Amino acid sequence: MVGLNNNSLDDDPTREDLSRPPSALSGPYLPRLVMMRGPDVGRAYSLAALPASIGRAPSNRIQIDETEVSRRHCVLCDVAPDSGALAPEGHLWLCDNGSTNGTWVGDVVVGRAGVLVQDGALIRLGRGVIFKVSLVHSIEDQLHDDLYDKAARDALTGAYTRGYTEGRLRRDIALAVKGGRELSILLIDIDFFKRVNDTLGHDAGDQVLCQVKNTLERGLRADDILGRWGGEEFLVILTDTSQSAATALAERLRASVGRTPVPYRNKGVDVTVSIGVSSTGELPGAELHELFIRADRRLYAAKANGRNRVVAVDPADPAARSRA
């Protein structure tokens, strides 16, 4: 394992040296895990509060949706769970929770009794996920979070990028299917968006995109995911949400956009949206492609039948007609 620098930071106690971390996991220096291999490469997880459990279940402090990871795979803490031994200065205990595919630090197998880890250690969960333990100054810690979030955001609207949204949707669908919970998505398209660009210019189109995103975001829960899916399309991921609840939300969002004209050059541009809804409740064992195809087909139906509406069932589906 890689040791920490135990030398004095500086002869002048009033001067802070940001280039060399101290040996303790304390003060302005914060421990964190950085994913080196796995579903979110580059993502960092703070270890400022311990213990920090890692696993596939949503109840973990660090939740990883990866088949190699057990529901409660392992835990990082400052006190060994079995022995009660306090971790030495500059170290943390890593303890396996009886995982199916095992936990390693380098080539060392981790058991329930735990292994000490420190700055630079590589932690492997099964064959699919690798973390690096990193000790960084609090300023760098915040900078890393800001850079990661910025990379996942669309530069114009601030919504999540399609790449991030698609990856998140795949993981959330897998978790919903495994946990027997329902997940719904909304595929949202701005009506007559090309007309706005052609008649008022692309600056007006950009303004419309940004305001629609902001209006949608105000109507969502904090843990809902809003991504920019295409040029004038947005996709919303609604975890633990039934199709009926998602449809009701979609209607509220549609109405909110419709009553909020976009200000542009001292005039208001009226904007409406069409929305297609689909849910894993319709599709046992659903995958992203199936869920998206249904939402896209229903969005097309909304556009073909006058726009400014929500469609949550397939008109050609006999079961759908019987529910209408």
Protein backbone atom coordinates (compact mmCIF):
# COMPACT_ATOMS: atom_id res chain seq x y z
CA MET A 1 0.00 0.00 0.00
CA VAL A 2 1.11 3.51 -0.69
CA GLY A 3 2.19 5.45 2.38
CA LEU A 4 1.39 9.05 3.20
CA ASN A 5 3.92 11.81 3.69
CA ASN A 6 4.65 12.13 7.44
CA ASN A 7 6.90 15.17 7.17
CA SER A 8 5.97 18.55 8.60
CA LEU A 9 4.04 20.65 6.13
CA ASP A 10 6.11 23.77 6.70
CA ASP A 11 8.29 25.43 9.32
CA ASP A 12 5.84 28.32 9.33
CA PRO A 13 2.68 27.03 11.07
CA THR A 14 0.59 29.83 9.60
CA ARG A 15 1.30 28.75 6.04
CA GLU A 16 -0.71 25.94 4.51
CA ASP A 17 1.03 23.70 1.97
CA LEU A 18 -1.57 22.37 -0.47
CA SER A 19 0.93 20.17 -2.31
CA ARG A 20 1.52 17.55 0.41
CA PRO A 21 -1.28 15.89 2.41
CA PRO A 22 -0.63 15.11 6.06
CA SER A 23 -0.66 11.55 7.36
CA ALA A 24 -4.04 11.86 9.07
CA LEU A 25 -7.41 11.58 7.35
CA SER A 26 -8.45 14.81 9.02
CA GLY A 27 -8.25 18.58 8.90
CA PRO A 28 -8.72 20.20 5.50
CA TYR A 29 -7.85 16.92 3.74
CA LEU A 30 -10.69 14.58 2.85
CA PRO A 31 -10.64 10.88 1.88
CA ARG A 32 -12.63 9.85 -1.15
CA LEU A 33 -13.05 6.95 -3.54
CA VAL A 34 -12.54 7.56 -7.26
CA MET A 35 -13.99 4.97 -9.65
CA MET A 36 -11.23 3.78 -11.98
CA ARG A 37 -13.26 1.02 -13.65
CA GLY A 38 -17.01 0.48 -13.57
CA PRO A 39 -20.28 2.14 -14.60
CA ASP A 40 -19.24 5.70 -13.57
CA VAL A 41 -15.53 6.04 -14.38
CA GLY A 42 -14.14 9.26 -12.92
CA ARG A 43 -16.88 9.72 -10.36
CA ALA A 44 -15.67 10.49 -6.84
CA TYR A 45 -17.42 9.55 -3.60
CA SER A 46 -16.68 11.46 -0.41
CA LEU A 47 -15.65 9.49 2.69
CA ALA A 48 -15.90 12.49 5.01
CA ALA A 49 -18.63 10.68 6.98
CA LEU A 50 -17.99 7.10 8.09
CA PRO A 51 -18.92 4.28 7.96
CA ALA A 52 -19.55 4.21 4.21
CA SER A 53 -21.20 1.06 2.89
CA ILE A 54 -20.75 0.04 -0.75
CA GLY A 55 -23.14 -2.19 -2.66
CA ARG A 56 -25.85 -2.63 -5.25
CA ALA A 57 -28.78 -1.84 -2.93
CA PRO A 58 -30.01 1.77 -2.97
CA SER A 59 -29.66 1.91 0.84
CA ASN A 60 -25.85 1.97 0.57
CA ARG A 61 -23.96 5.23 0.98
CA ILE A 62 -22.18 4.35 -2.27
CA GLN A 63 -24.64 2.57 -4.55
CA ILE A 64 -23.12 0.75 -7.54
CA ASP A 65 -25.37 -0.91 -10.11
CA GLU A 66 -23.05 -3.62 -11.36
CA THR A 67 -23.75 -7.36 -11.48
CA GLU A 68 -20.39 -8.20 -9.87
CA VAL A 69 -21.31 -6.12 -6.81
CA SER A 70 -23.40 -7.66 -4.00
CA ARG A 71 -26.33 -5.86 -2.42
CA ARG A 72 -24.20 -4.96 0.62
CA HIS A 73 -20.74 -5.71 -0.67
CA CYS A 74 -18.32 -4.06 1.75
CA VAL A 75 -17.89 -1.14 4.14
CA LEU A 76 -15.22 1.49 4.84
CA CYS A 77 -14.96 2.68 8.44
CA ASP A 78 -12.59 4.09 11.02
CA VAL A 79 -13.38 1.35 13.57
CA ALA A 80 -13.21 -2.35 12.65
CA PRO A 81 -16.77 -3.79 12.98
CA ASP A 82 -15.65 -7.14 14.46
CA SER A 83 -12.78 -6.16 16.76
CA GLY A 84 -13.60 -2.53 17.52
CA ALA A 85 -9.99 -1.63 16.70
CA LEU A 86 -9.48 2.01 15.78
CA ALA A 87 -7.76 2.54 12.43
CA PRO A 88 -4.24 4.02 12.81
CA GLU A 89 -3.67 7.57 11.75
CA GLY A 90 -3.89 7.92 7.97
CA HIS A 91 -5.79 4.65 7.45
CA LEU A 92 -9.30 3.28 7.06
CA TRP A 93 -10.69 -0.21 7.61
CA LEU A 94 -12.15 -1.97 4.57
CA CYS A 95 -14.33 -4.95 5.54
CA ASP A 96 -16.10 -7.39 3.23
CA ASN A 97 -19.74 -8.18 4.08
CA GLY A 98 -19.66 -11.76 2.78
CA SER A 99 -19.96 -10.62 -0.84
CA THR A 100 -20.49 -13.19 -3.59
CA ASN A 101 -17.60 -12.09 -5.82
CA GLY A 102 -15.12 -10.86 -3.22
CA THR A 103 -13.21 -7.71 -2.31
CA TRP A 104 -9.48 -7.10 -2.81
CA VAL A 105 -6.92 -4.43 -1.93
CA GLY A 106 -4.25 -4.98 -4.55
CA ASP A 107 -3.72 -8.77 -4.40
CA VAL A 108 -4.92 -9.08 -0.80
CA VAL A 109 -8.30 -10.71 -0.25
CA VAL A 110 -10.46 -8.74 2.19
CA GLY A 111 -12.49 -10.66 4.78
CA ARG A 112 -15.00 -9.65 7.41
CA ALA A 113 -12.18 -8.80 9.84
CA GLY A 114 -11.00 -6.12 7.44
CA VAL A 115 -7.83 -4.78 5.83
CA LEU A 116 -6.27 -1.37 6.42
CA VAL A 117 -6.19 0.95 3.40
CA GLN A 118 -4.63 4.35 2.90
CA ASP A 119 -4.01 6.98 0.24
CA GLY A 120 -3.37 5.43 -3.19
CA ALA A 121 -4.76 1.97 -2.39
CA LEU A 122 -6.71 0.23 -5.17
CA ILE A 123 -9.91 -1.53 -4.08
CA ARG A 124 -11.47 -4.12 -6.39
CA LEU A 125 -15.03 -5.41 -6.09
CA GLY A 126 -15.43 -8.66 -8.01
CA ARG A 127 -13.98 -8.35 -11.50
CA GLY A 128 -15.91 -5.32 -12.67
CA VAL A 129 -15.29 -2.35 -10.32
CA ILE A 130 -12.04 -0.72 -9.17
CA PHE A 131 -11.75 2.27 -6.84
CA LYS A 132 -8.73 4.29 -5.83
CA VAL A 133 -8.51 5.73 -2.32
CA SER A 134 -7.52 9.36 -2.67
CA LEU A 135 -6.75 11.97 -0.04
CA VAL A 136 -7.34 15.49 -1.35
CA HIS A 137 -7.63 18.99 0.01
CA SER A 138 -11.20 20.19 0.52
CA ILE A 139 -10.71 22.77 -2.26
CA GLU A 140 -9.69 20.05 -4.72
CA ASP A 141 -12.55 17.86 -3.47
CA GLN A 142 -15.11 20.51 -4.43
CA LEU A 143 -13.35 21.24 -7.73
CA HIS A 144 -13.50 17.56 -8.72
CA ASP A 145 -17.23 17.43 -7.97
CA ASP A 146 -17.82 20.58 -9.99
CA LEU A 147 -15.85 19.27 -12.98
CA TYR A 148 -17.64 15.91 -12.93
CA ASP A 149 -21.04 17.58 -12.79
CA LYS A 150 -20.11 20.03 -15.55
CA ALA A 151 -19.01 17.19 -17.84
CA ALA A 152 -22.39 15.50 -17.35
CA ARG A 153 -24.37 18.65 -18.24
CA ASP A 154 -25.51 20.02 -21.59
CA ALA A 155 -23.61 23.27 -22.18
CA LEU A 156 -26.65 25.26 -23.37
CA THR A 157 -29.51 24.23 -21.08
CA GLY A 158 -27.78 22.72 -18.05
CA ALA A 159 -29.85 19.54 -18.37
CA TYR A 160 -27.94 16.27 -18.20
CA THR A 161 -26.33 15.12 -21.45
CA ARG A 162 -27.82 12.27 -23.45
CA GLY A 163 -24.84 10.06 -22.63
CA TYR A 164 -25.24 10.57 -18.89
CA THR A 165 -29.03 10.23 -19.06
CA GLU A 166 -28.87 7.01 -21.07
CA GLY A 167 -26.34 5.47 -18.69
CA ARG A 168 -28.41 6.50 -15.69
CA LEU A 169 -31.58 5.10 -17.28
CA ARG A 170 -29.97 1.73 -17.93
CA ARG A 171 -28.89 1.46 -14.29
CA ASP A 172 -32.20 2.69 -12.89
CA ILE A 173 -34.18 0.25 -15.04
CA ALA A 174 -31.99 -2.63 -13.85
CA LEU A 175 -32.51 -1.62 -10.22
CA ALA A 176 -36.26 -1.23 -10.69
CA VAL A 177 -36.58 -4.66 -12.30
CA LYS A 178 -34.45 -6.33 -9.61
CA GLY A 179 -36.27 -4.58 -6.78
CA GLY A 180 -39.76 -5.12 -8.17
CA ARG A 181 -40.33 -1.36 -8.32
CA GLU A 182 -41.86 0.68 -11.12
CA LEU A 183 -39.97 3.25 -13.17
CA SER A 184 -41.47 5.59 -15.75
CA ILE A 185 -40.04 7.91 -18.37
CA LEU A 186 -41.35 11.01 -20.12
CA LEU A 187 -40.15 11.79 -23.64
CA ILE A 188 -40.85 15.49 -24.23
CA ASP A 189 -40.70 17.39 -27.52
CA ILE A 190 -41.12 21.14 -28.02
CA ASP A 191 -43.90 21.74 -30.56
CA PHE A 192 -43.11 23.70 -33.75
CA PHE A 193 -39.53 24.31 -32.59
CA LYS A 194 -38.24 24.56 -36.17
CA ARG A 195 -40.74 27.36 -36.80
CA VAL A 196 -39.25 29.34 -33.91
CA ASN A 197 -35.74 28.98 -35.34
CA ASP A 198 -36.87 29.81 -38.88
CA THR A 199 -38.96 32.88 -38.00
CA LEU A 200 -37.19 34.35 -34.97
CA GLY A 201 -33.67 32.93 -35.28
CA HIS A 202 -31.53 30.51 -33.34
CA ASP A 203 -31.07 32.92 -30.43
CA ALA A 204 -34.80 32.69 -29.81
CA GLY A 205 -34.62 28.91 -30.17
CA ASP A 206 -31.89 28.76 -27.55
CA GLN A 207 -33.97 30.91 -25.21
CA VAL A 208 -36.95 28.58 -25.69
CA LEU A 209 -34.84 25.51 -24.93
CA CYS A 210 -33.43 27.03 -21.75
CA GLN A 211 -36.78 28.23 -20.41
CA VAL A 212 -38.55 24.93 -21.17
CA LYS A 213 -35.78 23.09 -19.31
CA ASN A 214 -36.15 25.43 -16.32
CA THR A 215 -39.94 25.09 -16.31
CA LEU A 216 -39.72 21.30 -16.46
CA GLU A 217 -37.11 21.20 -13.71
CA ARG A 218 -39.26 23.26 -11.34
CA GLY A 219 -42.00 20.65 -11.63
CA LEU A 220 -39.78 17.66 -10.80
CA ARG A 221 -38.58 16.08 -7.58
CA ALA A 222 -34.99 16.58 -6.48
CA ASP A 223 -34.03 13.00 -7.42
CA ASP A 224 -35.73 12.96 -10.84
CA ILE A 225 -33.35 13.09 -13.80
CA LEU A 226 -33.92 15.59 -16.62
CA GLY A 227 -31.76 15.07 -19.69
CA ARG A 228 -31.56 16.72 -23.09
CA TRP A 229 -32.21 13.81 -25.40
CA GLY A 230 -32.04 15.49 -28.81
CA GLY A 231 -32.22 18.91 -30.44
CA GLU A 232 -35.57 19.90 -28.91
CA GLU A 233 -36.30 16.72 -26.95
CA PHE A 234 -35.94 16.10 -23.23
CA LEU A 235 -36.20 12.83 -21.33
CA VAL A 236 -37.24 12.56 -17.69
CA ILE A 237 -36.49 9.51 -15.51
CA LEU A 238 -38.99 8.97 -12.71
CA THR A 239 -37.95 6.25 -10.25
CA ASP A 240 -40.52 4.58 -8.00
CA THR A 241 -43.28 6.12 -10.14
CA SER A 242 -46.26 4.30 -11.64
CA GLN A 243 -47.51 4.97 -15.14
CA SER A 244 -50.61 6.73 -13.81
CA ALA A 245 -48.55 8.99 -11.52
CA ALA A 246 -46.14 9.74 -14.38
CA THR A 247 -49.06 10.61 -16.66
CA ALA A 248 -50.49 13.02 -14.08
CA LEU A 249 -47.06 14.65 -13.71
CA ALA A 250 -46.69 14.90 -17.49
CA GLU A 251 -50.02 16.75 -17.69
CA ARG A 252 -48.87 19.22 -15.04
CA LEU A 253 -45.60 19.81 -16.85
CA ARG A 254 -47.38 20.28 -20.19
CA ALA A 255 -49.75 22.82 -18.67
CA SER A 256 -46.92 24.66 -16.91
CA VAL A 257 -44.92 25.07 -20.13
CA GLY A 258 -48.03 26.19 -22.02
CA ARG A 259 -48.84 29.00 -19.61
CA THR A 260 -45.26 30.33 -19.47
CA PRO A 261 -44.46 32.41 -22.61
CA VAL A 262 -40.76 32.75 -23.35
CA PRO A 263 -39.63 36.42 -23.24
CA TYR A 264 -37.73 37.41 -26.37
CA ARG A 265 -37.08 40.97 -27.58
CA ASN A 266 -39.86 42.50 -25.51
CA LYS A 267 -42.44 39.97 -26.62
CA GLY A 268 -43.64 36.61 -25.38
CA VAL A 269 -43.17 33.47 -27.49
CA ASP A 270 -45.92 30.94 -26.80
CA VAL A 271 -44.53 27.42 -26.42
CA THR A 272 -46.17 24.03 -25.94
CA VAL A 273 -44.83 20.51 -25.57
CA SER A 274 -46.00 17.01 -26.49
CA ILE A 275 -45.15 14.12 -24.17
CA GLY A 276 -44.99 10.33 -24.50
CA VAL A 277 -45.09 8.22 -21.32
CA SER A 278 -43.99 4.64 -20.72
CA SER A 279 -43.35 2.52 -17.65
CA THR A 280 -41.66 -0.72 -16.60
CA GLY A 281 -45.03 -1.69 -15.10
CA GLU A 282 -46.21 -2.43 -18.65
CA LEU A 283 -43.13 -4.47 -19.52
CA PRO A 284 -41.94 -7.07 -16.98
CA GLY A 285 -38.16 -7.34 -17.34
CA ALA A 286 -38.10 -4.21 -19.51
CA GLU A 287 -34.91 -2.92 -21.10
CA LEU A 288 -34.09 0.62 -22.14
CA HIS A 289 -34.82 0.03 -25.83
CA GLU A 290 -38.32 -1.32 -25.18
CA LEU A 291 -39.18 1.44 -22.73
CA PHE A 292 -37.92 4.15 -25.07
CA ILE A 293 -39.70 2.74 -28.16
CA ARG A 294 -43.05 2.91 -26.37
CA ALA A 295 -42.47 6.46 -25.16
CA ASP A 296 -41.31 7.51 -28.64
CA ARG A 297 -44.34 5.91 -30.33
CA ARG A 298 -46.68 7.71 -27.94
CA LEU A 299 -44.87 11.01 -28.44
CA TYR A 300 -45.37 10.59 -32.19
CA ALA A 301 -49.09 9.94 -31.57
CA ALA A 302 -49.30 13.13 -29.49
CA LYS A 303 -47.67 15.13 -32.31
CA ALA A 304 -49.90 13.53 -34.96
CA ASN A 305 -53.09 14.27 -33.03
CA GLY A 306 -52.71 18.02 -32.61
CA ARG A 307 -49.67 18.44 -30.32
CA ASN A 308 -49.75 20.02 -26.85
CA ARG A 309 -50.92 16.77 -25.31
CA VAL A 310 -49.79 13.73 -23.31
CA VAL A 311 -50.16 10.18 -24.61
CA ALA A 312 -49.52 7.34 -22.15
CA VAL A 313 -51.02 4.33 -23.98
CA ASP A 314 -50.82 2.97 -27.51
CA PRO A 315 -54.00 3.84 -29.44
CA ALA A 316 -53.63 0.65 -31.50
CA ASP A 317 -53.39 -1.53 -28.37
CA PRO A 318 -56.78 -3.22 -27.65
CA ALA A 319 -55.98 -3.22 -23.93
CA ALA A 320 -55.24 0.48 -24.16
CA ARG A 321 -58.58 1.15 -25.86
CA SER A 322 -60.39 -0.74 -23.14
CA ARG A 323 -58.80 1.49 -20.51
CA ALA A 324 -59.64 4.71 -22.37
